[in-house]
Amino acid sequence: MMKRREFLCRLTLVTLVTPLAAEAQEARRIPRVGIVIATSPTAGRQNVDAFRRGLRELGYLERQNIIIEERWADGKPERFGNLINDLLRSNVDLLMVSSVVGARAAKDATKTTPVVSVAVTDPAGTGIVSSLSRPGGNLAGTSLLIGEEFAGKWVELVKDALPRLLNVAALSHTDHPMAGPEGDGNGGPDTGVDAASL
């Protein structure tokens, strides 16, 4: 799991920090990256540390040629808007956000500052981007690729891994922004449990 998180942080870094470094050389200004994480510092520290390691490996040293400002939502989605606006007021050159709620808040807060969303669930299905191939606007990033079109693939992967399995059920948080698109598999309201016979 750690390797995957580290990969996502490095991908985000390569995608957006490189252009910032070129601009910084021209302007002789240290680029500022604002990060808003959905969890608490205790729960999410390893992800931010992996991002910092990726920066160091690419030659970016904090306070020398890059500045990172962290904000933590502490598991409270309603905090994203204020935290993002706080970073925008501090003139960050790039915003990095986690979760669907964070990406939506960033999209609402700015149309000009580049935004990288990390591990966002189904960004096209939730309307955060126009499409995965052409997101448009100022938002890009990585996706968990979760949506209606992927549900069948999940079941297929489970069946490949456990060929003797006959039934599978998936629990969901019905108040989560991504609960709706999955539905109950029958076009009805989301009950929080999806089931399929294999």
Protein backbone atom coordinates (compact mmCIF):
# COMPACT_ATOMS: atom_id res chain seq x y z
CA MET A 1 0.00 0.00 0.00
CA MET A 2 2.83 2.37 0.85
CA LYS A 3 4.44 1.86 -2.56
CA ARG A 4 1.18 2.80 -4.28
CA ARG A 5 0.83 5.97 -2.21
CA GLU A 6 4.42 6.91 -2.88
CA PHE A 7 3.85 6.38 -6.61
CA LEU A 8 0.79 8.65 -6.56
CA CYS A 9 2.71 11.40 -4.77
CA ARG A 10 5.59 11.14 -7.23
CA LEU A 11 3.25 11.18 -10.21
CA THR A 12 1.59 14.31 -8.87
CA LEU A 13 4.96 15.92 -8.31
CA VAL A 14 6.28 15.15 -11.79
CA THR A 15 3.06 16.35 -13.38
CA LEU A 16 2.94 19.78 -11.80
CA VAL A 17 6.09 20.74 -9.92
CA THR A 18 8.35 20.59 -12.98
CA PRO A 19 6.56 23.48 -14.75
CA LEU A 20 6.58 25.40 -11.47
CA ALA A 21 10.35 24.96 -11.21
CA ALA A 22 10.81 26.45 -14.68
CA GLU A 23 8.64 29.43 -13.76
CA ALA A 24 10.52 29.83 -10.47
CA GLN A 25 13.86 30.01 -12.28
CA GLU A 26 12.54 32.78 -14.52
CA ALA A 27 11.01 34.73 -11.66
CA ARG A 28 13.68 33.78 -9.10
CA ARG A 29 10.90 32.88 -6.75
CA ILE A 30 10.52 29.69 -4.74
CA PRO A 31 7.34 27.84 -5.80
CA ARG A 32 4.78 27.23 -3.07
CA VAL A 33 2.71 24.03 -2.95
CA GLY A 34 -0.38 23.92 -0.76
CA ILE A 35 -1.59 20.49 0.37
CA VAL A 36 -5.01 19.81 1.89
CA ILE A 37 -5.42 16.30 3.28
CA ALA A 38 -8.82 14.88 4.28
CA THR A 39 -7.54 13.12 7.40
CA SER A 40 -5.65 14.19 10.51
CA PRO A 41 -1.86 14.63 10.59
CA THR A 42 -1.62 11.38 12.55
CA ALA A 43 -3.55 9.36 9.96
CA GLY A 44 -2.16 11.02 6.83
CA ARG A 45 1.44 11.80 7.75
CA GLN A 46 2.90 8.86 5.80
CA ASN A 47 1.37 10.16 2.54
CA VAL A 48 2.80 13.65 2.98
CA ASP A 49 6.16 12.21 4.02
CA ALA A 50 6.18 10.06 0.86
CA PHE A 51 5.48 13.18 -1.21
CA ARG A 52 8.38 14.98 0.47
CA ARG A 53 10.70 12.02 -0.17
CA GLY A 54 9.72 12.10 -3.84
CA LEU A 55 10.53 15.81 -3.95
CA ARG A 56 13.95 15.26 -2.38
CA GLU A 57 14.75 12.48 -4.85
CA LEU A 58 14.00 14.91 -7.68
CA GLY A 59 16.25 17.57 -6.15
CA TYR A 60 13.60 19.75 -4.47
CA LEU A 61 14.60 20.79 -0.96
CA GLU A 62 12.16 22.54 1.32
CA ARG A 63 12.87 26.19 1.98
CA GLN A 64 15.63 26.09 -0.65
CA ASN A 65 13.82 25.57 -3.94
CA ILE A 66 10.28 24.66 -2.86
CA ILE A 67 7.89 25.56 -0.03
CA ILE A 68 5.16 23.17 1.14
CA GLU A 69 2.22 24.35 3.22
CA GLU A 70 0.03 21.68 4.82
CA ARG A 71 -3.58 21.91 5.93
CA TRP A 72 -5.55 19.05 7.51
CA ALA A 73 -9.33 18.60 7.36
CA ASP A 74 -9.25 16.14 10.29
CA GLY A 75 -11.97 14.01 8.73
CA LYS A 76 -14.36 16.98 8.48
CA PRO A 77 -15.29 17.55 4.81
CA GLU A 78 -16.87 20.91 5.58
CA ARG A 79 -13.40 22.28 6.41
CA PHE A 80 -12.03 21.89 2.87
CA GLY A 81 -13.39 25.20 1.55
CA ASN A 82 -11.86 27.32 4.31
CA LEU A 83 -8.53 25.47 4.23
CA ILE A 84 -8.25 25.84 0.44
CA ASN A 85 -9.15 29.53 0.56
CA ASP A 86 -6.55 30.05 3.28
CA LEU A 87 -3.87 28.53 1.02
CA LEU A 88 -5.03 30.60 -1.96
CA ARG A 89 -4.73 33.77 0.15
CA SER A 90 -1.13 32.76 0.93
CA ASN A 91 -0.45 32.76 -2.85
CA VAL A 92 0.36 29.10 -3.40
CA ASP A 93 1.37 28.26 -6.97
CA LEU A 94 -0.23 24.81 -6.84
CA LEU A 95 -2.90 23.10 -4.76
CA MET A 96 -2.86 19.39 -4.03
CA VAL A 97 -6.05 17.93 -2.54
CA SER A 98 -7.32 14.50 -1.59
CA SER A 99 -10.84 13.06 -1.84
CA VAL A 100 -13.86 13.93 -3.97
CA VAL A 101 -14.95 16.58 -1.49
CA GLY A 102 -11.51 18.23 -1.61
CA ALA A 103 -11.46 18.26 -5.41
CA ARG A 104 -14.94 19.80 -5.54
CA ALA A 105 -13.98 22.47 -3.03
CA ALA A 106 -10.82 23.31 -5.00
CA LYS A 107 -12.75 23.45 -8.27
CA ASP A 108 -15.22 25.88 -6.68
CA ALA A 109 -12.48 27.98 -5.07
CA THR A 110 -10.23 28.68 -8.07
CA LYS A 111 -10.30 28.59 -11.84
CA THR A 112 -6.67 29.74 -12.24
CA THR A 113 -4.42 28.05 -9.66
CA PRO A 114 -3.40 24.56 -10.86
CA VAL A 115 -4.99 21.83 -8.75
CA VAL A 116 -3.79 18.23 -8.45
CA SER A 117 -6.31 15.81 -6.99
CA VAL A 118 -4.86 12.64 -5.49
CA ALA A 119 -6.81 9.36 -5.39
CA VAL A 120 -10.14 10.95 -6.25
CA THR A 121 -12.98 8.51 -6.78
CA ASP A 122 -14.48 8.69 -10.30
CA PRO A 123 -13.70 12.35 -11.14
CA ALA A 124 -15.66 12.24 -14.40
CA GLY A 125 -18.70 10.55 -12.87
CA THR A 126 -18.86 13.11 -10.07
CA GLY A 127 -18.52 16.05 -12.48
CA ILE A 128 -15.15 17.20 -11.17
CA VAL A 129 -13.64 16.89 -14.65
CA SER A 130 -15.20 16.71 -18.12
CA SER A 131 -13.58 13.36 -18.86
CA LEU A 132 -10.56 11.34 -17.75
CA SER A 133 -8.77 11.83 -21.08
CA ARG A 134 -9.52 15.57 -21.30
CA PRO A 135 -10.20 16.92 -17.83
CA GLY A 136 -10.24 20.56 -18.95
CA GLY A 137 -9.88 23.54 -16.64
CA ASN A 138 -7.16 23.78 -14.03
CA LEU A 139 -7.66 20.40 -12.34
CA ALA A 140 -5.74 17.17 -13.04
CA GLY A 141 -4.48 14.26 -10.99
CA THR A 142 -4.89 10.60 -10.19
CA SER A 143 -8.10 8.60 -9.90
CA LEU A 144 -9.20 5.47 -8.10
CA LEU A 145 -11.24 4.67 -11.24
CA ILE A 146 -14.41 3.88 -9.37
CA GLY A 147 -17.75 4.18 -11.10
CA GLU A 148 -20.59 2.15 -12.56
CA GLU A 149 -18.48 0.95 -15.48
CA PHE A 150 -15.88 -0.54 -13.12
CA ALA A 151 -18.21 -2.53 -10.84
CA GLY A 152 -18.31 -5.50 -13.23
CA LYS A 153 -14.53 -5.52 -13.40
CA TRP A 154 -14.29 -5.68 -9.61
CA VAL A 155 -16.54 -8.74 -9.51
CA GLU A 156 -14.49 -10.32 -12.30
CA LEU A 157 -11.26 -9.75 -10.35
CA VAL A 158 -12.77 -11.21 -7.18
CA LYS A 159 -13.94 -14.27 -9.14
CA ASP A 160 -10.44 -14.72 -10.65
CA ALA A 161 -8.85 -14.48 -7.21
CA LEU A 162 -11.44 -16.73 -5.50
CA PRO A 163 -12.88 -19.06 -8.17
CA ARG A 164 -14.96 -21.09 -5.66
CA LEU A 165 -16.77 -17.97 -4.42
CA LEU A 166 -20.50 -18.03 -5.24
CA ASN A 167 -21.80 -14.70 -3.87
CA VAL A 168 -20.30 -11.31 -3.12
CA ALA A 169 -21.67 -8.26 -1.33
CA ALA A 170 -20.23 -4.78 -1.01
CA LEU A 171 -21.02 -2.34 1.78
CA SER A 172 -20.98 1.39 1.19
CA HIS A 173 -21.40 4.59 3.13
CA THR A 174 -24.70 5.89 1.76
CA ASP A 175 -23.95 9.52 2.67
CA HIS A 176 -20.61 9.47 0.85
CA PRO A 177 -20.52 11.52 -2.41
CA MET A 178 -19.75 8.35 -4.39
CA ALA A 179 -22.58 6.20 -3.01
CA GLY A 180 -25.14 7.42 -5.56
CA PRO A 181 -23.59 6.35 -8.90
CA GLU A 182 -23.23 2.76 -7.72
CA GLY A 183 -26.90 2.51 -6.73
CA ASP A 184 -28.39 -0.80 -5.75
CA GLY A 185 -27.65 -2.43 -9.11
CA ASN A 186 -31.35 -2.31 -10.03
CA GLY A 187 -31.82 1.38 -10.71
CA GLY A 188 -33.24 1.94 -7.24
CA PRO A 189 -31.93 4.02 -4.35
CA ASP A 190 -28.64 3.11 -2.74
CA THR A 191 -29.32 0.86 0.24
CA GLY A 192 -25.67 0.61 1.20
CA VAL A 193 -25.38 -3.06 0.21
CA ASP A 194 -24.80 -4.33 -3.32
CA ALA A 195 -24.91 -8.06 -3.99
CA ALA A 196 -24.23 -10.26 -6.99
CA SER A 197 -24.41 -13.98 -7.64
CA LEU A 198 -21.37 -15.43 -9.31
